[in-house]
């Protein structure tokens, strides 16, 4: 999913464009993380991970099925993961993440 597709899908969930863009921060390295819900870092060439605030002032890796950390091959994979996580949370809990 491209950045523009991400924005379009997020607006269908009720987010404005700025709100959608505030969900993801693309960081240069793990030392550059922000308070954004999802911080994407290219760990090595073609390997992207996502860090989420852990509620204790730090960050933890975003997890997928079976407790494995998200490992994407592109930034587009990260946008898809974040959209799916937010859409699923809204479906289950009826709230924004």
N, C-alpha and C. Protein backbone atom coordinates (compact mmCIF):
# COMPACT_ATOMS: atom_id res chain seq x y z
N UNK A 1 0.85 -1.17 0.00
CA UNK A 1 0.00 0.00 0.00
C UNK A 1 0.90 1.24 0.00
N UNK A 2 0.65 2.13 -0.92
CA UNK A 2 1.42 3.36 -0.97
C UNK A 2 0.95 4.33 0.11
N UNK A 3 1.71 5.38 0.31
CA UNK A 3 1.33 6.39 1.29
C UNK A 3 -0.02 6.99 0.94
N UNK A 4 -0.25 7.29 -0.34
CA UNK A 4 -1.53 7.88 -0.75
C UNK A 4 -2.68 6.90 -0.54
N UNK A 5 -2.48 5.64 -0.85
CA UNK A 5 -3.52 4.63 -0.60
C UNK A 5 -3.81 4.53 0.90
N UNK A 6 -2.76 4.61 1.71
CA UNK A 6 -2.93 4.58 3.16
C UNK A 6 -3.83 5.73 3.60
N UNK A 7 -3.54 6.93 3.12
CA UNK A 7 -4.34 8.10 3.49
C UNK A 7 -5.79 7.91 3.07
N UNK A 8 -6.01 7.43 1.85
CA UNK A 8 -7.37 7.22 1.35
C UNK A 8 -8.12 6.20 2.21
N UNK A 9 -7.47 5.11 2.55
CA UNK A 9 -8.13 4.08 3.37
C UNK A 9 -8.40 4.58 4.79
N UNK A 10 -7.47 5.38 5.31
CA UNK A 10 -7.66 5.91 6.66
C UNK A 10 -8.80 6.93 6.69
N UNK A 11 -8.98 7.70 5.62
CA UNK A 11 -10.09 8.65 5.60
C UNK A 11 -11.42 7.90 5.58
N UNK A 12 -11.44 6.72 5.00
CA UNK A 12 -12.66 5.89 5.04
C UNK A 12 -12.96 5.41 6.45
N UNK A 13 -11.93 5.37 7.30
CA UNK A 13 -12.12 4.99 8.71
C UNK A 13 -12.46 6.19 9.58
N UNK A 14 -12.51 7.39 8.98
CA UNK A 14 -12.88 8.57 9.73
C UNK A 14 -11.73 9.49 10.10
N UNK A 15 -10.54 9.20 9.65
CA UNK A 15 -9.38 10.03 9.93
C UNK A 15 -9.26 11.13 8.88
N UNK A 16 -8.81 12.31 9.29
CA UNK A 16 -8.45 13.34 8.32
C UNK A 16 -7.06 12.99 7.78
N UNK A 17 -6.64 13.65 6.73
CA UNK A 17 -5.30 13.37 6.19
C UNK A 17 -4.21 13.63 7.24
N UNK A 18 -4.24 14.77 7.94
CA UNK A 18 -3.21 14.98 8.98
C UNK A 18 -3.26 13.92 10.08
N UNK A 19 -4.46 13.51 10.49
CA UNK A 19 -4.57 12.47 11.52
C UNK A 19 -3.99 11.15 11.02
N UNK A 20 -4.25 10.82 9.78
CA UNK A 20 -3.72 9.59 9.21
C UNK A 20 -2.19 9.63 9.18
N UNK A 21 -1.65 10.75 8.72
CA UNK A 21 -0.19 10.87 8.64
C UNK A 21 0.46 10.88 10.01
N UNK A 22 -0.24 11.32 11.03
CA UNK A 22 0.31 11.33 12.40
C UNK A 22 0.39 9.94 13.01
N UNK A 23 -0.22 8.95 12.39
CA UNK A 23 -0.16 7.59 12.92
C UNK A 23 1.19 6.94 12.69
N UNK A 24 1.90 7.38 11.65
CA UNK A 24 3.17 6.75 11.26
C UNK A 24 4.28 7.79 11.23
N UNK A 25 5.42 7.41 11.80
CA UNK A 25 6.63 8.22 11.68
C UNK A 25 7.70 7.32 11.10
N UNK A 26 8.31 7.76 10.01
CA UNK A 26 9.40 7.00 9.41
C UNK A 26 10.70 7.55 9.99
N UNK A 27 11.34 6.74 10.82
CA UNK A 27 12.54 7.17 11.54
C UNK A 27 13.80 6.71 10.81
N UNK A 28 14.84 7.50 10.93
CA UNK A 28 16.12 7.15 10.32
C UNK A 28 16.77 5.95 11.02
N UNK A 29 16.54 5.84 12.33
CA UNK A 29 17.13 4.76 13.11
C UNK A 29 16.35 4.64 14.42
N UNK A 30 16.57 3.57 15.18
CA UNK A 30 15.83 3.39 16.44
C UNK A 30 16.06 4.49 17.47
N UNK A 31 17.10 5.28 17.32
CA UNK A 31 17.35 6.39 18.26
C UNK A 31 16.52 7.62 17.92
N UNK A 32 15.81 7.60 16.80
CA UNK A 32 15.05 8.76 16.33
C UNK A 32 13.54 8.58 16.47
N UNK A 33 13.09 7.66 17.31
CA UNK A 33 11.67 7.38 17.43
C UNK A 33 10.95 8.55 18.09
N UNK A 34 9.66 8.67 17.77
CA UNK A 34 8.83 9.73 18.33
C UNK A 34 7.67 9.10 19.10
N UNK A 35 6.77 9.92 19.55
CA UNK A 35 5.59 9.43 20.25
C UNK A 35 4.49 8.96 19.32
N UNK A 36 4.77 8.89 18.03
CA UNK A 36 3.75 8.41 17.08
C UNK A 36 3.37 6.97 17.43
N UNK A 37 2.12 6.60 17.17
CA UNK A 37 1.71 5.23 17.48
C UNK A 37 2.55 4.16 16.78
N UNK A 38 3.03 4.46 15.57
CA UNK A 38 3.81 3.49 14.80
C UNK A 38 5.05 4.19 14.25
N UNK A 39 6.22 3.71 14.63
CA UNK A 39 7.49 4.25 14.17
C UNK A 39 8.16 3.21 13.28
N UNK A 40 8.32 3.53 12.01
CA UNK A 40 8.88 2.60 11.03
C UNK A 40 10.37 2.88 10.87
N UNK A 41 11.18 1.82 10.94
CA UNK A 41 12.62 1.95 10.79
C UNK A 41 13.10 0.91 9.79
N UNK A 42 13.93 1.35 8.85
CA UNK A 42 14.56 0.39 7.94
C UNK A 42 15.77 -0.18 8.68
N UNK A 43 15.64 -1.42 9.10
CA UNK A 43 16.69 -2.05 9.91
C UNK A 43 17.92 -2.38 9.08
N UNK A 44 17.70 -2.87 7.90
CA UNK A 44 18.77 -3.11 6.93
C UNK A 44 18.13 -3.00 5.56
N UNK A 45 18.92 -3.07 4.53
CA UNK A 45 18.38 -2.89 3.17
C UNK A 45 17.23 -3.86 2.92
N UNK A 46 16.04 -3.31 2.75
CA UNK A 46 14.89 -4.13 2.44
C UNK A 46 14.23 -4.81 3.63
N UNK A 47 14.57 -4.42 4.85
CA UNK A 47 13.93 -4.96 6.05
C UNK A 47 13.43 -3.82 6.92
N UNK A 48 12.13 -3.75 7.07
CA UNK A 48 11.51 -2.69 7.86
C UNK A 48 10.87 -3.28 9.10
N UNK A 49 11.07 -2.62 10.24
CA UNK A 49 10.41 -3.00 11.49
C UNK A 49 9.59 -1.81 11.97
N UNK A 50 8.65 -2.09 12.86
CA UNK A 50 7.80 -1.04 13.42
C UNK A 50 7.93 -1.10 14.94
N UNK A 51 8.19 0.06 15.53
CA UNK A 51 8.23 0.20 16.98
C UNK A 51 6.99 0.95 17.44
N UNK A 52 6.42 0.49 18.55
CA UNK A 52 5.26 1.14 19.15
C UNK A 52 5.63 1.58 20.57
N UNK A 53 5.09 2.72 21.03
CA UNK A 53 5.32 3.10 22.43
C UNK A 53 4.82 1.98 23.34
N UNK A 54 5.61 1.65 24.36
CA UNK A 54 5.23 0.53 25.23
C UNK A 54 4.49 0.95 26.49
N UNK A 55 4.21 2.26 26.64
CA UNK A 55 3.47 2.72 27.80
C UNK A 55 4.33 2.95 29.03
N UNK A 56 5.62 2.68 28.91
CA UNK A 56 6.55 2.87 30.03
C UNK A 56 7.67 3.83 29.67
N UNK A 57 7.46 4.62 28.63
CA UNK A 57 8.48 5.56 28.20
C UNK A 57 9.47 4.98 27.21
N UNK A 58 9.24 3.77 26.77
CA UNK A 58 10.13 3.13 25.80
C UNK A 58 9.34 2.66 24.58
N UNK A 59 9.92 1.77 23.84
CA UNK A 59 9.29 1.25 22.62
C UNK A 59 9.47 -0.25 22.56
N UNK A 60 8.53 -0.90 21.90
CA UNK A 60 8.65 -2.33 21.65
C UNK A 60 8.32 -2.59 20.19
N UNK A 61 8.79 -3.71 19.69
CA UNK A 61 8.51 -4.07 18.31
C UNK A 61 7.04 -4.42 18.14
N UNK A 62 6.46 -3.99 17.04
CA UNK A 62 5.09 -4.36 16.72
C UNK A 62 5.06 -5.85 16.41
N UNK A 63 4.08 -6.54 16.94
CA UNK A 63 4.01 -7.99 16.78
C UNK A 63 2.93 -8.40 15.79
N UNK A 64 3.18 -9.51 15.12
CA UNK A 64 2.20 -10.10 14.22
C UNK A 64 1.84 -11.47 14.77
N UNK A 65 1.25 -12.30 13.97
CA UNK A 65 0.79 -13.62 14.41
C UNK A 65 1.90 -14.41 15.10
N UNK A 66 1.51 -15.16 16.09
CA UNK A 66 2.39 -16.04 16.85
C UNK A 66 3.49 -15.29 17.60
N UNK A 67 3.24 -14.01 17.90
CA UNK A 67 4.18 -13.25 18.69
C UNK A 67 5.48 -12.88 18.00
N UNK A 68 5.49 -12.95 16.69
CA UNK A 68 6.69 -12.58 15.95
C UNK A 68 6.64 -11.09 15.63
N UNK A 69 7.81 -10.44 15.61
CA UNK A 69 7.80 -9.01 15.26
C UNK A 69 7.50 -8.82 13.77
N UNK A 70 6.83 -7.71 13.49
CA UNK A 70 6.58 -7.34 12.09
C UNK A 70 7.92 -7.16 11.40
N UNK A 71 8.05 -7.75 10.23
CA UNK A 71 9.24 -7.57 9.41
C UNK A 71 8.78 -7.41 7.97
N UNK A 72 8.77 -6.16 7.50
CA UNK A 72 8.31 -5.88 6.15
C UNK A 72 9.47 -5.76 5.19
N UNK A 73 9.17 -5.93 3.93
CA UNK A 73 10.19 -5.81 2.90
C UNK A 73 10.20 -4.44 2.24
N UNK A 74 9.20 -3.61 2.60
CA UNK A 74 9.11 -2.27 2.01
C UNK A 74 8.34 -1.36 2.95
N UNK A 75 8.43 -0.09 2.69
CA UNK A 75 7.64 0.88 3.44
C UNK A 75 6.15 0.65 3.19
N UNK A 76 5.82 0.20 1.98
CA UNK A 76 4.43 -0.10 1.65
C UNK A 76 3.88 -1.21 2.54
N UNK A 77 4.71 -2.21 2.86
CA UNK A 77 4.28 -3.26 3.79
C UNK A 77 3.93 -2.66 5.15
N UNK A 78 4.72 -1.69 5.59
CA UNK A 78 4.47 -1.05 6.88
C UNK A 78 3.16 -0.28 6.85
N UNK A 79 2.89 0.45 5.78
CA UNK A 79 1.62 1.17 5.67
C UNK A 79 0.44 0.19 5.72
N UNK A 80 0.56 -0.94 5.03
CA UNK A 80 -0.51 -1.95 5.05
C UNK A 80 -0.72 -2.50 6.45
N UNK A 81 0.38 -2.82 7.15
CA UNK A 81 0.28 -3.35 8.51
C UNK A 81 -0.44 -2.36 9.42
N UNK A 82 -0.03 -1.10 9.37
CA UNK A 82 -0.62 -0.09 10.25
C UNK A 82 -2.10 0.08 9.95
N UNK A 83 -2.46 0.16 8.69
CA UNK A 83 -3.88 0.30 8.34
C UNK A 83 -4.67 -0.90 8.87
N UNK A 84 -4.17 -2.10 8.65
CA UNK A 84 -4.88 -3.30 9.09
C UNK A 84 -5.02 -3.33 10.61
N UNK A 85 -3.99 -2.93 11.34
CA UNK A 85 -4.06 -2.89 12.80
C UNK A 85 -5.13 -1.90 13.28
N UNK A 86 -5.14 -0.72 12.69
CA UNK A 86 -6.11 0.30 13.09
C UNK A 86 -7.52 -0.13 12.71
N UNK A 87 -7.69 -0.66 11.51
CA UNK A 87 -9.02 -1.10 11.07
C UNK A 87 -9.54 -2.22 11.97
N UNK A 88 -8.67 -3.14 12.34
CA UNK A 88 -9.08 -4.25 13.22
C UNK A 88 -9.44 -3.75 14.61
N UNK A 89 -8.65 -2.83 15.15
CA UNK A 89 -8.95 -2.27 16.47
C UNK A 89 -10.29 -1.54 16.45
N UNK A 90 -10.55 -0.80 15.40
CA UNK A 90 -11.83 -0.10 15.30
C UNK A 90 -12.99 -1.09 15.19
N UNK A 91 -12.76 -2.18 14.45
CA UNK A 91 -13.82 -3.18 14.29
C UNK A 91 -14.12 -3.85 15.63
N UNK A 92 -13.09 -4.21 16.35
CA UNK A 92 -13.27 -4.94 17.61
C UNK A 92 -13.75 -4.02 18.73
N UNK A 93 -13.09 -2.89 18.89
CA UNK A 93 -13.35 -2.03 20.04
C UNK A 93 -14.18 -0.81 19.72
N UNK A 94 -14.32 -0.49 18.45
CA UNK A 94 -15.09 0.68 18.07
C UNK A 94 -14.42 1.99 18.45
N UNK A 95 -13.11 1.96 18.60
CA UNK A 95 -12.37 3.17 18.96
C UNK A 95 -11.17 3.33 18.05
N UNK A 96 -10.66 4.56 18.01
CA UNK A 96 -9.42 4.81 17.27
C UNK A 96 -8.25 4.38 18.11
N UNK A 97 -7.24 3.98 17.45
CA UNK A 97 -6.02 3.58 18.14
C UNK A 97 -5.02 4.68 18.13
